[in-house]
N, C-alpha and C. Protein backbone atom coordinates (compact mmCIF):
# COMPACT_ATOMS: atom_id res chain seq x y z
N MET A 1 0.98 -1.16 0.10
CA MET A 1 -0.01 0.17 0.05
C MET A 1 1.03 0.99 0.25
N PRO A 2 0.58 2.47 -1.01
CA PRO A 2 1.35 3.26 -1.08
C PRO A 2 1.36 4.38 0.03
N ILE A 3 2.11 5.14 0.48
CA ILE A 3 2.26 5.85 2.11
C ILE A 3 2.01 7.16 1.26
N GLU A 4 2.69 7.48 0.34
CA GLU A 4 2.70 8.86 -0.15
C GLU A 4 0.71 9.25 -0.49
N ILE A 5 0.79 10.84 -0.65
CA ILE A 5 -0.90 11.13 -0.40
C ILE A 5 -0.96 10.65 -1.93
N LYS A 6 -0.78 11.39 -3.06
CA LYS A 6 -1.23 11.20 -4.33
C LYS A 6 -1.25 9.79 -5.17
N GLU A 7 -0.64 8.93 -4.05
CA GLU A 7 -0.34 7.60 -4.95
C GLU A 7 -1.16 6.87 -3.95
N ARG A 8 -1.60 7.03 -2.90
CA ARG A 8 -2.77 6.68 -2.02
C ARG A 8 -3.72 7.04 -2.43
N LEU A 9 -4.14 8.34 -2.60
CA LEU A 9 -5.71 8.12 -3.70
C LEU A 9 -5.65 7.41 -4.77
N LYS A 10 -4.90 7.83 -5.43
CA LYS A 10 -4.97 6.97 -6.95
C LYS A 10 -5.09 5.37 -6.89
N TYR A 11 -4.27 4.92 -5.97
CA TYR A 11 -4.56 3.71 -5.06
C TYR A 11 -6.09 3.06 -4.80
N ILE A 12 -6.29 4.04 -3.93
CA ILE A 12 -8.03 4.17 -3.70
C ILE A 12 -9.02 3.76 -4.59
N ILE A 13 -8.83 4.92 -5.42
CA ILE A 13 -9.84 4.67 -6.63
C ILE A 13 -9.65 3.74 -7.55
N GLU A 14 -8.25 3.10 -8.24
CA GLU A 14 -8.30 2.17 -8.78
C GLU A 14 -8.05 0.96 -8.27
N TYR A 15 -8.12 0.38 -6.88
CA TYR A 15 -8.28 -0.65 -6.10
C TYR A 15 -10.38 -0.61 -5.50
N SER A 16 -10.78 0.28 -5.86
CA SER A 16 -12.24 0.12 -5.67
C SER A 16 -12.70 0.02 -7.22
N TRP A 17 -12.32 0.14 -8.20
CA TRP A 17 -12.93 0.15 -9.54
C TRP A 17 -12.52 -1.58 -9.66
N GLU A 18 -11.36 -2.04 -9.49
CA GLU A 18 -11.20 -3.50 -9.63
C GLU A 18 -12.63 -4.51 -8.27
N LEU A 19 -12.70 -3.87 -7.40
CA LEU A 19 -13.85 -4.40 -6.74
C LEU A 19 -15.56 -4.47 -7.27
N PHE A 20 -15.19 -3.09 -8.19
CA PHE A 20 -16.74 -2.87 -8.60
C PHE A 20 -16.40 -3.61 -9.75
N LYS A 21 -15.55 -3.81 -10.63
CA LYS A 21 -15.85 -4.68 -11.58
C LYS A 21 -15.99 -6.39 -11.33
N LEU A 22 -15.51 -6.65 -10.41
CA LEU A 22 -15.98 -7.89 -9.98
C LEU A 22 -17.52 -7.92 -9.10
N GLN A 23 -17.56 -6.80 -8.55
CA GLN A 23 -18.93 -6.99 -7.85
C GLN A 23 -20.20 -6.98 -8.85
N SER A 24 -19.78 -6.26 -9.97
CA SER A 24 -20.99 -6.16 -11.54
C SER A 24 -20.87 -7.45 -12.42
N SER A 25 -19.48 -7.76 -12.49
CA SER A 25 -19.76 -9.09 -13.32
C SER A 25 -20.42 -10.19 -12.79
N HIS A 26 -20.42 -10.67 -11.17
CA HIS A 26 -20.87 -11.54 -10.30
C HIS A 26 -22.09 -11.55 -10.32
N HIS A 27 -22.68 -10.48 -10.65
CA HIS A 27 -23.95 -9.86 -10.20
C HIS A 27 -24.32 -9.53 -9.08
N LYS A 28 -23.59 -8.93 -8.05
CA LYS A 28 -23.72 -9.18 -6.37
C LYS A 28 -24.82 -7.60 -6.43
N PHE A 29 -25.12 -6.57 -7.61
CA PHE A 29 -26.12 -5.48 -7.87
C PHE A 29 -26.53 -5.39 -9.22
N SER A 30 -27.76 -4.84 -9.28
CA SER A 30 -28.06 -4.96 -10.84
C SER A 30 -27.53 -3.01 -11.17
N ILE A 31 -26.83 -3.06 -12.39
CA ILE A 31 -26.50 -1.48 -12.62
C ILE A 31 -26.92 -1.72 -14.31
N TYR A 32 -28.11 -0.84 -14.60
CA TYR A 32 -28.71 -0.43 -15.75
C TYR A 32 -28.53 1.42 -16.30
N LYS A 33 -27.70 1.79 -15.27
CA LYS A 33 -28.01 3.22 -16.06
C LYS A 33 -26.80 4.04 -14.79
N GLU A 34 -25.79 5.03 -15.34
CA GLU A 34 -24.64 5.70 -14.66
C GLU A 34 -25.59 6.04 -13.16
N ALA A 35 -26.63 6.17 -12.38
CA ALA A 35 -27.08 6.36 -11.40
C ALA A 35 -26.56 5.66 -10.70
N SER A 36 -26.97 4.15 -10.93
CA SER A 36 -26.83 3.15 -9.63
C SER A 36 -25.33 2.82 -9.64
N MET A 37 -24.64 3.24 -11.13
CA MET A 37 -23.02 3.09 -10.87
C MET A 37 -22.50 3.32 -10.45
N GLN A 38 -22.96 5.02 -10.27
CA GLN A 38 -22.59 5.82 -9.55
C GLN A 38 -22.22 5.56 -7.96
N LEU A 39 -23.69 5.42 -7.42
CA LEU A 39 -24.30 4.84 -6.11
C LEU A 39 -23.05 3.80 -5.57
N HIS A 40 -23.06 2.57 -6.43
CA HIS A 40 -22.19 1.21 -6.28
C HIS A 40 -20.64 1.71 -6.35
N PHE A 41 -20.43 2.24 -6.81
CA PHE A 41 -18.69 2.56 -6.96
C PHE A 41 -18.60 3.73 -5.97
N SER A 42 -19.53 4.32 -5.86
CA SER A 42 -19.06 5.51 -4.59
C SER A 42 -18.64 4.89 -3.71
N SER A 43 -19.87 3.96 -2.91
CA SER A 43 -19.90 3.37 -1.73
C SER A 43 -18.74 2.75 -1.89
N LEU A 44 -18.20 1.87 -2.45
CA LEU A 44 -16.46 1.35 -2.84
C LEU A 44 -15.63 2.20 -1.84
N ILE A 45 -15.69 3.11 -2.73
CA ILE A 45 -14.57 4.09 -2.49
C ILE A 45 -14.94 5.00 -1.31
N LYS A 46 -15.92 5.38 -0.72
CA LYS A 46 -15.80 5.83 0.45
C LYS A 46 -15.27 4.95 1.72
N ILE A 47 -15.56 3.81 1.32
CA ILE A 47 -15.07 3.02 2.59
C ILE A 47 -13.86 2.43 2.33
N LEU A 48 -13.47 2.19 1.46
CA LEU A 48 -11.59 1.96 1.46
C LEU A 48 -10.77 3.33 1.79
N GLY A 49 -11.67 4.40 0.99
CA GLY A 49 -10.78 5.82 1.38
C GLY A 49 -11.04 6.24 2.98
N GLU A 50 -12.14 5.40 3.61
CA GLU A 50 -11.44 5.75 4.94
C GLU A 50 -10.68 4.85 5.26
N LEU A 51 -10.48 3.84 5.34
CA LEU A 51 -9.80 2.43 5.71
C LEU A 51 -8.37 3.14 5.21
N MET A 52 -8.24 3.65 4.42
CA MET A 52 -6.77 4.14 4.24
C MET A 52 -6.24 4.88 4.97
N CYS A 53 -6.97 5.70 5.68
CA CYS A 53 -6.71 6.81 6.16
C CYS A 53 -5.47 6.38 7.56
N ILE A 54 -4.66 6.53 7.63
CA ILE A 54 -3.49 5.86 8.42
C ILE A 54 -3.01 6.49 9.42
N SER A 55 -3.13 8.16 9.40
CA SER A 55 -2.83 8.52 10.94
C SER A 55 -3.84 9.46 10.96
N PRO A 56 -3.81 10.06 12.52
CA PRO A 56 -4.40 11.24 12.86
C PRO A 56 -5.12 12.31 11.79
N GLU A 57 -3.79 12.82 11.09
CA GLU A 57 -3.60 14.16 10.00
C GLU A 57 -4.81 13.63 8.40
N ASP A 58 -5.06 12.70 8.60
CA ASP A 58 -5.60 12.20 7.37
C ASP A 58 -6.90 12.27 7.57
N GLU A 59 -7.45 12.86 6.24
CA GLU A 59 -9.25 12.95 6.48
C GLU A 59 -9.58 12.63 4.56
N PHE A 60 -10.21 11.79 4.87
CA PHE A 60 -10.85 11.66 3.15
C PHE A 60 -12.37 12.31 3.19
N LYS A 61 -12.56 12.84 1.77
CA LYS A 61 -13.87 13.18 1.76
C LYS A 61 -14.50 12.65 0.26
N ILE A 62 -15.85 12.59 0.03
CA ILE A 62 -16.43 12.19 -1.62
C ILE A 62 -17.46 12.73 -1.43
N SER A 63 -17.76 13.51 -2.44
CA SER A 63 -18.99 14.20 -2.96
C SER A 63 -19.12 13.74 -4.49
N LEU A 64 -20.68 13.59 -4.77
CA LEU A 64 -21.29 13.22 -5.79
C LEU A 64 -21.89 14.43 -6.66
N GLU A 65 -21.59 14.35 -7.85
CA GLU A 65 -22.66 15.66 -8.34
C GLU A 65 -22.16 16.87 -8.14
N LYS A 66 -20.57 17.06 -7.61
CA LYS A 66 -19.92 18.63 -7.29
C LYS A 66 -20.25 19.19 -8.47
N THR A 67 -20.34 20.68 -8.09
CA THR A 67 -20.41 21.56 -9.05
C THR A 67 -19.00 22.36 -9.05
N ILE A 68 -17.98 22.38 -10.35
CA ILE A 68 -16.78 23.05 -9.83
C ILE A 68 -16.96 24.40 -10.72
N ASN A 69 -16.28 24.80 -10.69
CA ASN A 69 -15.80 26.40 -11.48
C ASN A 69 -14.41 26.46 -12.18
N TYR A 70 -14.00 26.42 -13.15
CA TYR A 70 -12.94 26.65 -13.71
C TYR A 70 -12.81 27.35 -15.39
N GLY A 71 -12.05 27.98 -15.46
CA GLY A 71 -11.36 28.82 -16.59
C GLY A 71 -13.12 29.53 -17.17
N ASP A 72 -13.02 29.29 -18.02
CA ASP A 72 -14.28 29.72 -18.46
C ASP A 72 -16.07 29.13 -18.31
N GLY A 73 -16.01 28.50 -17.45
CA GLY A 73 -17.09 27.79 -17.06
C GLY A 73 -17.34 27.29 -15.70
N LYS A 74 -18.16 26.30 -15.51
CA LYS A 74 -18.26 25.46 -14.48
C LYS A 74 -18.54 24.10 -14.61
N GLY A 75 -18.52 22.92 -14.21
CA GLY A 75 -19.25 22.02 -14.61
C GLY A 75 -19.89 21.05 -13.12
N GLU A 76 -20.05 19.74 -13.45
CA GLU A 76 -20.81 18.98 -12.61
C GLU A 76 -19.96 17.71 -12.92
N ILE A 77 -19.17 17.05 -11.34
CA ILE A 77 -17.98 15.91 -11.44
C ILE A 77 -18.72 14.70 -11.01
N ASP A 78 -19.03 13.55 -11.78
CA ASP A 78 -19.71 12.47 -10.78
C ASP A 78 -19.37 12.54 -9.65
N ILE A 79 -18.07 12.00 -9.89
CA ILE A 79 -17.57 11.80 -7.77
C ILE A 79 -16.28 12.54 -8.09
N PHE A 80 -16.01 13.19 -6.70
CA PHE A 80 -14.87 14.49 -6.63
C PHE A 80 -14.28 13.80 -5.02
N CYS A 81 -13.33 13.57 -4.99
CA CYS A 81 -12.85 13.06 -3.87
C CYS A 81 -11.34 13.81 -2.96
N GLU A 82 -11.04 13.85 -1.93
CA GLU A 82 -10.33 14.45 -1.39
C GLU A 82 -9.29 13.63 -0.53
N LEU A 83 -8.13 13.19 -0.37
CA LEU A 83 -7.13 12.88 0.78
C LEU A 83 -6.38 14.24 1.32
N ASN A 84 -6.70 14.42 2.15
CA ASN A 84 -5.78 15.83 2.76
C ASN A 84 -5.73 16.64 1.44
N GLU A 85 -4.42 17.30 1.02
CA GLU A 85 -4.43 18.38 -0.02
C GLU A 85 -4.68 17.93 -1.50
N GLU A 86 -4.75 16.47 -1.81
CA GLU A 86 -4.50 15.51 -3.46
C GLU A 86 -6.25 15.57 -2.94
N LYS A 87 -6.96 15.76 -4.83
CA LYS A 87 -7.89 15.63 -4.92
C LYS A 87 -8.09 15.06 -6.93
N VAL A 88 -9.42 14.10 -6.55
CA VAL A 88 -9.53 13.77 -7.71
C VAL A 88 -10.81 13.38 -8.44
N GLY A 89 -10.94 13.75 -9.58
CA GLY A 89 -12.28 14.07 -9.97
C GLY A 89 -12.22 12.81 -11.01
N ILE A 90 -13.60 12.02 -11.32
CA ILE A 90 -14.09 11.11 -11.51
C ILE A 90 -15.69 11.00 -12.60
N GLU A 91 -15.47 10.21 -13.92
CA GLU A 91 -16.40 10.83 -14.44
C GLU A 91 -16.95 9.52 -14.89
N LEU A 92 -17.81 8.87 -15.02
CA LEU A 92 -18.64 7.93 -15.25
C LEU A 92 -19.85 7.57 -16.68
N LYS A 93 -19.73 6.32 -17.15
CA LYS A 93 -20.94 6.20 -18.18
C LYS A 93 -20.98 4.96 -18.49
N CYS A 94 -22.56 4.50 -18.11
CA CYS A 94 -22.75 3.22 -18.40
C CYS A 94 -23.79 3.02 -19.87
N PHE A 95 -23.14 2.38 -20.26
CA PHE A 95 -24.25 2.05 -21.61
C PHE A 95 -24.62 0.58 -21.51
N ARG A 96 -26.08 0.21 -21.71
CA ARG A 96 -26.51 -1.28 -21.17
C ARG A 96 -27.01 -0.73 -22.87
N LYS A 97 -27.26 -2.48 -23.25
CA LYS A 97 -28.03 -2.52 -24.82
C LYS A 97 -29.87 -2.42 -24.39
N LEU A 98 -30.07 -2.50 -23.31
CA LEU A 98 -31.42 -2.57 -22.80
C LEU A 98 -31.17 -1.81 -21.77
N ALA A 99 -32.37 -0.72 -21.44
CA ALA A 99 -32.73 -0.38 -20.21
C ALA A 99 -33.98 -0.99 -19.57
N SER A 100 -33.84 -0.63 -18.23
CA SER A 100 -34.42 -1.18 -17.19
C SER A 100 -35.87 -1.64 -17.57
N SER A 101 -36.17 -0.83 -18.60
CA SER A 101 -37.71 -1.24 -19.08
C SER A 101 -37.72 -2.31 -20.02
N GLY A 102 -36.70 -2.63 -20.43
CA GLY A 102 -36.18 -3.60 -21.58
C GLY A 102 -36.31 -3.36 -22.78
N LYS A 103 -35.95 -1.89 -23.31
CA LYS A 103 -36.08 -1.52 -24.23
C LYS A 103 -34.56 -1.26 -24.91
N PRO A 104 -34.57 -1.39 -26.45
CA PRO A 104 -33.46 -1.07 -26.65
C PRO A 104 -32.75 0.16 -26.36
N ARG A 105 -31.89 0.56 -26.88
CA ARG A 105 -31.14 2.58 -26.18
C ARG A 105 -30.73 2.53 -27.06
N GLY A 106 -29.85 2.19 -27.92
CA GLY A 106 -29.13 2.91 -29.58
C GLY A 106 -28.47 4.07 -29.03
N ALA A 107 -28.18 4.85 -30.21
CA ALA A 107 -27.40 6.25 -29.86
C ALA A 107 -25.77 5.75 -29.60
N GLN A 108 -25.21 4.82 -29.62
CA GLN A 108 -24.26 4.41 -29.62
C GLN A 108 -23.39 5.72 -29.66
N ASP A 109 -22.87 6.50 -30.77
CA ASP A 109 -22.17 7.27 -31.29
C ASP A 109 -22.21 8.50 -30.31
N ILE A 110 -23.77 9.06 -29.79
CA ILE A 110 -23.40 10.09 -29.04
C ILE A 110 -22.82 9.67 -27.56
N SER A 111 -23.08 8.58 -27.34
CA SER A 111 -22.47 7.56 -25.90
C SER A 111 -20.88 8.03 -26.27
N MET A 112 -20.74 7.48 -27.11
CA MET A 112 -19.33 7.67 -27.28
C MET A 112 -18.70 8.96 -27.16
N ARG A 113 -19.35 9.57 -27.88
CA ARG A 113 -18.64 11.22 -28.01
C ARG A 113 -18.59 11.90 -26.37
N GLY A 114 -19.83 11.24 -25.37
CA GLY A 114 -19.74 11.65 -24.47
C GLY A 114 -18.71 11.36 -23.52
N VAL A 115 -18.08 10.03 -23.55
CA VAL A 115 -16.69 9.77 -23.13
C VAL A 115 -15.46 10.90 -23.57
N PHE A 116 -15.28 11.14 -24.67
CA PHE A 116 -14.46 12.47 -24.63
C PHE A 116 -14.54 13.44 -24.48
N GLU A 117 -16.30 13.63 -24.44
CA GLU A 117 -16.14 15.09 -23.77
C GLU A 117 -16.07 15.19 -22.05
N ASP A 118 -16.06 13.80 -21.49
CA ASP A 118 -15.79 14.19 -20.02
C ASP A 118 -14.36 13.88 -19.76
N ILE A 119 -13.76 12.66 -20.78
CA ILE A 119 -12.17 13.88 -20.87
C ILE A 119 -11.81 14.87 -20.67
N GLY A 120 -12.48 15.17 -21.55
CA GLY A 120 -12.21 16.81 -21.91
C GLY A 120 -12.13 17.78 -20.87
N SER A 121 -13.41 17.44 -19.98
CA SER A 121 -13.48 18.13 -18.48
C SER A 121 -12.73 17.65 -17.51
N ILE A 122 -12.22 16.64 -17.31
CA ILE A 122 -11.50 16.50 -16.29
C ILE A 122 -10.06 16.86 -16.78
N GLU A 123 -9.43 16.81 -17.59
CA GLU A 123 -8.22 17.94 -18.41
C GLU A 123 -8.21 19.06 -18.35
N LYS A 124 -9.57 19.91 -18.07
CA LYS A 124 -9.76 21.27 -18.00
C LYS A 124 -9.80 21.79 -16.53
N LEU A 125 -10.18 20.52 -15.57
CA LEU A 125 -10.07 20.50 -13.72
C LEU A 125 -8.58 20.87 -13.49
N ILE A 126 -7.51 19.72 -13.91
CA ILE A 126 -6.61 19.48 -14.21
C ILE A 126 -5.86 20.93 -14.69
N LYS A 127 -6.17 21.28 -15.36
CA LYS A 127 -5.12 22.49 -16.28
C LYS A 127 -5.31 23.79 -15.11
N ASP A 128 -6.40 23.60 -14.68
CA ASP A 128 -6.85 24.93 -13.50
C ASP A 128 -6.75 24.83 -12.15
N ASN A 129 -6.02 23.90 -11.76
CA ASN A 129 -5.61 22.89 -10.61
C ASN A 129 -7.01 23.01 -9.58
N LYS A 130 -7.74 22.08 -10.23
CA LYS A 130 -8.76 22.05 -9.65
C LYS A 130 -8.92 20.95 -8.62
N ILE A 131 -8.34 20.02 -9.43
CA ILE A 131 -7.76 18.30 -9.11
C ILE A 131 -6.45 17.94 -9.35
N SER A 132 -6.06 16.99 -8.84
CA SER A 132 -4.55 16.85 -8.81
C SER A 132 -4.28 15.88 -10.19
N PHE A 133 -5.68 15.19 -10.37
CA PHE A 133 -5.66 14.07 -11.82
C PHE A 133 -6.96 13.32 -11.69
N GLY A 134 -7.64 12.51 -12.81
CA GLY A 134 -8.64 12.31 -12.88
C GLY A 134 -8.72 11.25 -13.38
N PHE A 135 -9.93 10.21 -13.48
CA PHE A 135 -10.20 9.18 -14.39
C PHE A 135 -11.66 9.29 -14.58
N ALA A 136 -11.82 8.42 -16.57
CA ALA A 136 -12.57 8.45 -17.08
C ALA A 136 -12.87 6.73 -16.59
N PHE A 137 -14.47 6.47 -16.17
CA PHE A 137 -14.52 4.88 -16.20
C PHE A 137 -15.87 4.64 -17.07
N VAL A 138 -15.82 3.50 -17.88
CA VAL A 138 -17.19 3.38 -18.83
C VAL A 138 -17.01 1.73 -17.95
N MET A 139 -18.39 1.13 -18.52
CA MET A 139 -18.89 -0.12 -18.60
C MET A 139 -19.79 -0.22 -19.36
N THR A 140 -20.24 -1.21 -20.15
CA THR A 140 -20.67 -1.55 -21.37
C THR A 140 -21.26 -3.25 -21.37
N ASP A 141 -22.42 -3.29 -21.84
CA ASP A 141 -22.27 -4.98 -21.96
C ASP A 141 -22.78 -5.12 -23.77
N ASP A 142 -22.39 -4.12 -24.23
CA ASP A 142 -23.05 -3.40 -25.64
C ASP A 142 -21.53 -3.99 -26.51
N ASN A 143 -21.87 -5.15 -27.37
CA ASN A 143 -20.50 -5.58 -27.90
C ASN A 143 -20.29 -4.40 -29.14
N THR A 144 -21.07 -4.06 -29.82
CA THR A 144 -20.37 -3.06 -30.43
C THR A 144 -19.80 -1.52 -30.20
N ILE A 145 -20.36 -1.48 -29.21
CA ILE A 145 -19.39 -0.35 -28.47
C ILE A 145 -18.11 -0.50 -28.72
N VAL A 146 -17.71 -1.88 -28.30
CA VAL A 146 -16.18 -2.74 -27.85
C VAL A 146 -15.35 -3.00 -29.02
N ASN A 147 -16.73 -3.58 -30.01
CA ASN A 147 -15.62 -4.18 -30.96
C ASN A 147 -16.26 -4.11 -32.02
N GLY A 148 -17.10 -2.95 -32.94
CA GLY A 148 -17.93 -3.01 -33.74
C GLY A 148 -16.95 -2.29 -34.81
N LYS A 149 -17.05 -2.27 -36.28
CA LYS A 149 -17.24 -1.74 -37.13
C LYS A 149 -16.00 -0.52 -37.01
N HIS A 150 -17.18 0.51 -36.81
CA HIS A 150 -16.92 2.00 -36.72
C HIS A 150 -16.10 2.57 -38.09
N ALA A 151 -16.68 2.21 -38.83
CA ALA A 151 -16.16 2.57 -40.64
C ALA A 151 -16.46 3.95 -40.71
N ILE A 152 -17.30 4.56 -40.56
CA ILE A 152 -17.87 5.99 -41.08
C ILE A 152 -18.32 7.08 -40.25
N GLY A 153 -18.53 8.03 -40.39
CA GLY A 153 -19.05 9.10 -39.91
C GLY A 153 -18.73 9.30 -38.61
N ALA A 154 -19.65 9.43 -37.70
CA ALA A 154 -19.98 9.71 -36.04
C ALA A 154 -19.39 8.47 -35.29
N MET A 155 -19.57 7.40 -36.12
CA MET A 155 -19.13 6.13 -35.26
C MET A 155 -17.66 6.00 -35.17
N LYS A 156 -17.08 6.61 -36.28
CA LYS A 156 -15.76 6.01 -36.51
C LYS A 156 -15.00 7.59 -35.48
N ALA A 157 -15.29 8.97 -35.85
CA ALA A 157 -15.14 9.83 -35.27
C ALA A 157 -14.96 9.65 -33.95
N TYR A 158 -15.69 9.03 -33.50
CA TYR A 158 -16.15 9.20 -31.77
C TYR A 158 -15.87 7.78 -31.56
N SER A 159 -15.00 6.84 -31.89
CA SER A 159 -14.95 5.40 -31.54
C SER A 159 -13.82 5.16 -30.19
N ILE A 160 -14.52 4.68 -29.93
CA ILE A 160 -14.09 4.02 -28.38
C ILE A 160 -13.90 2.47 -28.13
N LYS A 161 -13.45 1.98 -29.17
CA LYS A 161 -13.35 0.80 -29.70
C LYS A 161 -12.22 -0.10 -29.11
N GLU A 162 -11.89 -1.33 -28.83
CA GLU A 162 -10.67 -2.21 -28.77
C GLU A 162 -9.59 -1.40 -29.23
N GLY A 163 -8.63 -0.72 -28.96
CA GLY A 163 -7.58 -0.42 -29.74
C GLY A 163 -7.17 0.80 -30.34
N ARG A 164 -8.61 1.56 -30.23
CA ARG A 164 -8.52 2.98 -30.70
C ARG A 164 -7.48 4.25 -29.98
N LYS A 165 -6.77 4.38 -30.95
CA LYS A 165 -5.65 5.33 -30.12
C LYS A 165 -6.27 7.25 -30.83
N TYR A 166 -6.15 7.74 -30.08
CA TYR A 166 -6.58 9.01 -30.21
C TYR A 166 -5.38 9.97 -29.70
N LYS A 167 -4.75 10.61 -30.39
CA LYS A 167 -3.59 11.46 -30.72
C LYS A 167 -4.09 13.10 -30.47
N LYS A 168 -3.26 13.18 -29.30
CA LYS A 168 -3.45 14.89 -28.58
C LYS A 168 -3.91 15.73 -29.31
N GLU A 169 -4.69 16.57 -29.63
CA GLU A 169 -5.20 17.80 -30.18
C GLU A 169 -5.92 17.63 -31.32
N GLU A 170 -5.90 16.03 -31.46
CA GLU A 170 -6.99 16.28 -33.00
C GLU A 170 -8.62 16.33 -32.66
N ILE A 171 -9.24 16.98 -33.44
CA ILE A 171 -10.66 17.53 -33.26
C ILE A 171 -11.64 16.42 -33.73
N LEU A 172 -11.98 16.38 -33.09
CA LEU A 172 -13.21 15.31 -33.04
C LEU A 172 -14.78 16.77 -33.34
N ASP A 173 -14.85 16.54 -34.37
CA ASP A 173 -16.04 17.36 -34.91
C ASP A 173 -17.32 16.92 -35.71
N VAL A 174 -17.13 15.94 -36.15
CA VAL A 174 -18.22 15.29 -36.88
C VAL A 174 -20.37 15.41 -36.26
N PRO A 175 -20.95 16.04 -36.74
CA PRO A 175 -21.99 16.14 -36.76
C PRO A 175 -23.32 14.93 -36.34
N ILE A 176 -23.62 14.86 -35.08
CA ILE A 176 -24.71 14.10 -35.14
C ILE A 176 -26.24 14.43 -34.95
N GLY A 177 -26.78 14.47 -36.01
CA GLY A 177 -28.02 15.28 -36.00
C GLY A 177 -27.53 16.52 -36.05
N LYS A 178 -28.57 16.88 -35.12
CA LYS A 178 -28.46 18.54 -35.39
C LYS A 178 -27.26 19.33 -34.45
N SER A 179 -26.87 18.02 -33.54
CA SER A 179 -26.19 18.50 -32.43
C SER A 179 -24.22 18.55 -33.24
N LYS A 180 -23.83 19.89 -33.08
CA LYS A 180 -22.57 20.24 -33.59
C LYS A 180 -21.69 20.86 -32.35
N ILE A 181 -20.88 19.48 -31.82
CA ILE A 181 -19.77 19.62 -30.71
C ILE A 181 -18.14 19.43 -31.12
N LYS A 182 -17.51 20.46 -31.07
CA LYS A 182 -15.84 20.08 -31.50
C LYS A 182 -15.22 19.68 -30.39
N VAL A 183 -14.73 18.52 -30.14
CA VAL A 183 -13.86 17.97 -29.21
C VAL A 183 -12.58 17.82 -29.34
N GLY A 184 -11.66 18.19 -28.43
CA GLY A 184 -9.88 18.30 -28.87
C GLY A 184 -9.54 18.28 -27.50
N LEU A 185 -8.73 16.97 -27.19
CA LEU A 185 -7.82 16.34 -25.93
C LEU A 185 -6.60 17.28 -25.84
N ASP A 186 -5.93 17.14 -24.95
CA ASP A 186 -4.60 17.53 -24.62
C ASP A 186 -3.88 16.50 -24.68
N ASN A 187 -4.05 15.17 -24.58
CA ASN A 187 -3.29 14.46 -24.54
C ASN A 187 -3.46 13.09 -25.39
N ASP A 188 -2.54 12.34 -25.51
CA ASP A 188 -2.82 11.03 -26.14
C ASP A 188 -3.56 9.95 -25.38
N TYR A 189 -4.67 9.33 -25.95
CA TYR A 189 -5.62 8.25 -25.17
C TYR A 189 -5.39 6.77 -25.98
N GLU A 190 -5.30 5.82 -25.42
CA GLU A 190 -5.48 4.47 -25.85
C GLU A 190 -6.70 3.82 -25.52
N PHE A 191 -8.03 3.03 -25.70
CA PHE A 191 -9.04 2.48 -25.35
C PHE A 191 -8.83 0.64 -25.34
N ASN A 192 -8.60 0.21 -23.99
CA ASN A 192 -7.99 -0.85 -23.67
C ASN A 192 -9.25 -1.47 -22.83
N TRP A 193 -10.24 -2.13 -23.41
CA TRP A 193 -11.65 -2.98 -22.40
C TRP A 193 -11.06 -4.01 -21.61
N ASP A 194 -11.42 -4.45 -20.44
CA ASP A 194 -11.93 -5.40 -19.42
C ASP A 194 -12.58 -6.57 -19.37
N LYS A 195 -12.87 -7.51 -20.07
CA LYS A 195 -14.05 -8.15 -20.38
C LYS A 195 -14.03 -8.92 -18.74
N LYS A 196 -15.31 -8.73 -18.67
CA LYS A 196 -15.69 -9.47 -16.90
C LYS A 196 -16.90 -10.29 -16.99
N GLY A 197 -17.54 -11.37 -17.19
CA GLY A 197 -18.70 -11.81 -17.28
C GLY A 197 -19.42 -11.38 -18.59
N ASP A 198 -20.44 -10.68 -18.21
CA ASP A 198 -21.46 -10.00 -19.51
C ASP A 198 -20.79 -8.95 -19.80
N PHE A 199 -19.71 -7.97 -18.86
CA PHE A 199 -19.58 -6.75 -18.98
C PHE A 199 -18.43 -6.59 -19.70
N TYR A 200 -18.28 -5.45 -19.80
CA TYR A 200 -17.26 -4.79 -20.59
C TYR A 200 -16.42 -3.57 -19.64
N PHE A 201 -15.45 -3.04 -19.34
CA PHE A 201 -14.99 -2.21 -18.36
C PHE A 201 -13.88 -1.96 -19.11
N LEU A 202 -13.93 -0.85 -18.74
CA LEU A 202 -12.79 0.87 -19.19
C LEU A 202 -12.35 1.72 -18.36
N LYS A 203 -10.95 1.78 -18.38
CA LYS A 203 -10.52 2.93 -17.32
C LYS A 203 -9.60 3.80 -18.17
N GLU A 204 -9.73 4.98 -18.17
CA GLU A 204 -9.09 5.71 -18.55
C GLU A 204 -8.25 7.06 -17.68
N ALA A 205 -6.88 7.09 -17.47
CA ALA A 205 -6.19 7.50 -16.49
C ALA A 205 -5.91 9.27 -17.23
N ILE A 206 -6.27 10.38 -16.46
CA ILE A 206 -6.00 11.44 -16.87
C ILE A 206 -4.89 12.46 -16.06
N ILE A 207 -3.86 12.57 -16.54
CA ILE A 207 -2.77 12.94 -15.46
C ILE A 207 -2.23 14.40 -15.90
């Protein structure tokens, strides 16, 4: 277990994610959308974060849907954690083939673009010194998102399929319907998924 504060906070988040993946894939709880993903993942972070306070001076805090002002605007971060002076921001995405109602979801291109937007939001928070580092976590049972062809249009532009490599400052601006959003990130990213049971899981660290 790391002692240094930043590394300890990183350990808390990553170990909680490993636990979450195991519990989800073994159906300890049902996850149909981001809200339930946030609830169960944050509960693991809270428990482990408090356990990892190893001195009287250590203090761990966690907030959900925290509004943070940065640079030219403000935004909500799904999970915001603090261990003493170090802070981490976490964005989540959950893409199920079927909603809890049993109806198909669809719109994979919009879903995938949202992952790039999440990463971009965390990069802005880091640049503005609001957080020390961040993570984007994604779970899905939709094989099209992970292993689809993604050959043309928005599916190609915003693909987060297995092995896709994004090069920093590449501009993604393919419109989806009437929605026109320009996305460009400050760092290189590669999307590598971990399959457990019926689900695929993705972790992108932003530093």
